[in-house]
Amino acid sequence: MLNGEDFLSQFVNRAAAGRDEGCSPDKFVLSSHYLQKDGIPKIVFSMLGVPLATGTYTVVNIGISEDRCAHNVVTGSFVTLIQDGCAPGDRYRPVEAENNFVTVEAYNRTTEEISGTFQMTLAIDLDEYLPKKVVDAPDTIRLAQGRFKVSLLQ
């Protein structure tokens, strides 16, 4: 829902998960790409550094220039894409004061299937050097009652 309207119905979703090899093979990255019906990507939502173990993990905000691997935390981002889908639009990062979490409800080590839930509130990342790319973009995005079921990419 965006401003009370179901805006995701106009997109095709492609989700993928893979081991977080850049930080730790015991963690995974979940990425969800929303493409327009013509195949042009418009939104990328990601959760990074999620442990490959059942449990509930807090999602925190890590600065763009900070090394998330050194912090050993779970983080997330929501990025819009403009023009033909290759130019970055607005970037949203987790709001620290909110209850942001990802819960891994099941992880099958044999089949590499992972399922769980998540909730995240993200705010647009703005400063004097990074103004809004899309003037009417919302300032805050709240993802509630999110669910995922994926298999790790080989």
Protein backbone atom coordinates (compact mmCIF):
# COMPACT_ATOMS: atom_id res chain seq x y z
CA MET A 1 0.00 0.00 0.00
CA LEU A 2 1.20 3.47 -0.84
CA ASN A 3 -0.91 6.33 0.46
CA GLY A 4 -3.76 3.85 0.94
CA GLU A 5 -3.46 2.34 -2.55
CA ASP A 6 -2.08 -1.05 -3.55
CA PHE A 7 0.74 0.14 -5.77
CA LEU A 8 2.70 -3.14 -5.88
CA SER A 9 0.01 -4.78 -8.04
CA GLN A 10 1.36 -2.81 -11.00
CA PHE A 11 4.75 -4.55 -10.68
CA VAL A 12 6.18 -8.02 -11.26
CA ASN A 13 8.26 -9.22 -8.30
CA ARG A 14 11.51 -11.15 -8.63
CA ALA A 15 13.00 -12.23 -5.30
CA ALA A 16 16.40 -13.81 -4.82
CA ALA A 17 18.50 -14.91 -1.87
CA GLY A 18 22.16 -15.78 -1.67
CA ARG A 19 24.85 -16.31 0.90
CA ASP A 20 26.40 -13.10 2.15
CA GLU A 21 29.83 -14.17 0.94
CA GLY A 22 31.15 -10.62 1.24
CA CYS A 23 30.68 -10.73 5.01
CA SER A 24 29.96 -14.25 6.20
CA PRO A 25 28.80 -17.48 4.53
CA ASP A 26 26.66 -18.08 7.66
CA LYS A 27 24.45 -15.13 6.64
CA PHE A 28 22.29 -14.37 3.65
CA VAL A 29 21.06 -11.45 1.57
CA LEU A 30 17.43 -11.25 0.49
CA SER A 31 16.73 -9.01 -2.49
CA SER A 32 13.35 -8.27 -4.02
CA HIS A 33 13.22 -6.53 -7.41
CA TYR A 34 9.98 -4.93 -8.57
CA LEU A 35 9.76 -4.53 -12.34
CA GLN A 36 7.14 -2.76 -14.41
CA LYS A 37 5.10 -5.02 -16.68
CA ASP A 38 7.47 -4.08 -19.55
CA GLY A 39 10.42 -5.45 -17.54
CA ILE A 40 11.97 -2.14 -16.48
CA PRO A 41 13.15 -2.35 -12.85
CA LYS A 42 11.75 0.36 -10.57
CA ILE A 43 12.33 -0.74 -6.95
CA VAL A 44 14.92 -2.87 -5.16
CA PHE A 45 14.29 -3.85 -1.53
CA SER A 46 17.08 -5.68 0.28
CA MET A 47 17.86 -7.15 3.68
CA LEU A 48 21.54 -7.85 4.22
CA GLY A 49 23.47 -9.86 6.79
CA VAL A 50 20.57 -12.03 7.96
CA PRO A 51 21.87 -15.07 9.94
CA LEU A 52 21.19 -18.54 8.52
CA ALA A 53 19.56 -19.60 11.77
CA THR A 54 16.08 -19.40 13.20
CA GLY A 55 15.46 -16.37 15.37
CA THR A 56 14.40 -12.73 15.32
CA TYR A 57 16.98 -10.12 14.39
CA THR A 58 16.82 -6.35 14.70
CA VAL A 59 17.36 -4.42 11.45
CA VAL A 60 19.55 -1.35 11.98
CA ASN A 61 20.61 1.65 9.95
CA ILE A 62 24.21 1.62 8.77
CA GLY A 63 25.62 4.73 7.12
CA ILE A 64 26.33 4.53 3.40
CA SER A 65 30.08 4.91 3.97
CA GLU A 66 30.19 2.46 6.90
CA ASP A 67 31.26 -1.16 6.52
CA ARG A 68 28.22 -3.23 7.49
CA CYS A 69 30.37 -6.39 7.69
CA ALA A 70 32.55 -4.83 10.39
CA HIS A 71 29.42 -4.01 12.42
CA ASN A 72 28.10 -7.59 12.11
CA VAL A 73 24.45 -6.47 11.97
CA VAL A 74 21.36 -6.91 9.83
CA THR A 75 20.49 -3.89 7.71
CA GLY A 76 18.12 -3.06 4.89
CA SER A 77 17.49 -0.65 2.05
CA PHE A 78 14.76 0.35 -0.36
CA VAL A 79 15.96 2.00 -3.57
CA THR A 80 13.89 3.39 -6.41
CA LEU A 81 15.19 3.43 -9.97
CA ILE A 82 14.35 6.09 -12.54
CA GLN A 83 14.53 6.59 -16.30
CA ASP A 84 15.09 3.20 -17.93
CA GLY A 85 15.65 1.43 -14.61
CA CYS A 86 19.41 1.85 -14.45
CA ALA A 87 19.65 5.31 -12.88
CA PRO A 88 19.38 5.40 -9.07
CA GLY A 89 16.42 7.30 -7.72
CA ASP A 90 15.71 7.76 -4.05
CA ARG A 91 17.30 5.62 -1.33
CA TYR A 92 15.52 4.75 1.91
CA ARG A 93 17.20 3.42 5.05
CA PRO A 94 15.80 1.92 8.27
CA VAL A 95 14.43 4.32 10.89
CA GLU A 96 16.17 3.47 14.17
CA ALA A 97 13.25 4.45 16.41
CA GLU A 98 10.95 1.88 14.78
CA ASN A 99 10.51 -1.85 15.46
CA ASN A 100 12.46 -3.13 12.44
CA PHE A 101 13.07 -6.86 12.40
CA VAL A 102 13.43 -9.99 10.33
CA THR A 103 12.45 -13.37 11.73
CA VAL A 104 13.86 -16.55 10.22
CA GLU A 105 11.13 -19.04 11.05
CA ALA A 106 12.65 -22.01 9.23
CA TYR A 107 15.96 -22.86 7.57
CA ASN A 108 16.48 -26.24 5.94
CA ARG A 109 20.23 -26.85 5.56
CA THR A 110 19.67 -29.67 3.07
CA THR A 111 17.38 -27.85 0.61
CA GLU A 112 18.70 -24.36 1.50
CA GLU A 113 15.10 -23.13 1.87
CA ILE A 114 14.47 -20.21 4.20
CA SER A 115 11.16 -18.73 5.30
CA GLY A 116 10.21 -15.97 7.64
CA THR A 117 8.63 -12.61 8.27
CA PHE A 118 9.79 -9.02 8.48
CA GLN A 119 8.73 -5.50 9.32
CA MET A 120 10.59 -2.35 8.46
CA THR A 121 10.04 1.40 8.40
CA LEU A 122 12.41 3.24 6.09
CA ALA A 123 12.94 6.97 5.57
CA ILE A 124 14.27 8.69 2.50
CA ASP A 125 17.99 9.42 2.77
CA LEU A 126 18.36 13.17 2.25
CA ASP A 127 20.95 15.79 2.95
CA GLU A 128 22.09 18.98 1.26
CA TYR A 129 24.08 16.96 -1.31
CA LEU A 130 21.41 14.31 -1.93
CA PRO A 131 18.03 15.90 -2.70
CA LYS A 132 14.94 13.90 -3.70
CA LYS A 133 15.24 12.54 -7.22
CA VAL A 134 11.47 12.17 -7.53
CA VAL A 135 9.76 15.24 -6.10
CA ASP A 136 6.54 13.48 -5.05
CA ALA A 137 8.28 10.43 -3.54
CA PRO A 138 7.04 9.58 -0.04
CA ASP A 139 9.33 10.51 2.86
CA THR A 140 8.66 7.25 4.73
CA ILE A 141 7.88 3.70 3.63
CA ARG A 142 6.50 1.15 6.08
CA LEU A 143 6.65 -2.53 5.17
CA ALA A 144 4.39 -4.44 7.55
CA GLN A 145 3.49 -8.12 7.83
CA GLY A 146 6.09 -9.04 5.20
CA ARG A 147 6.68 -12.71 4.43
CA PHE A 148 9.33 -14.51 2.43
CA LYS A 149 10.09 -18.04 1.33
CA VAL A 150 13.20 -18.49 -0.80
CA SER A 151 15.93 -20.94 -1.71
CA LEU A 152 19.54 -19.83 -1.65
CA LEU A 153 21.10 -19.37 -5.08
CA GLN A 154 23.80 -21.87 -5.85
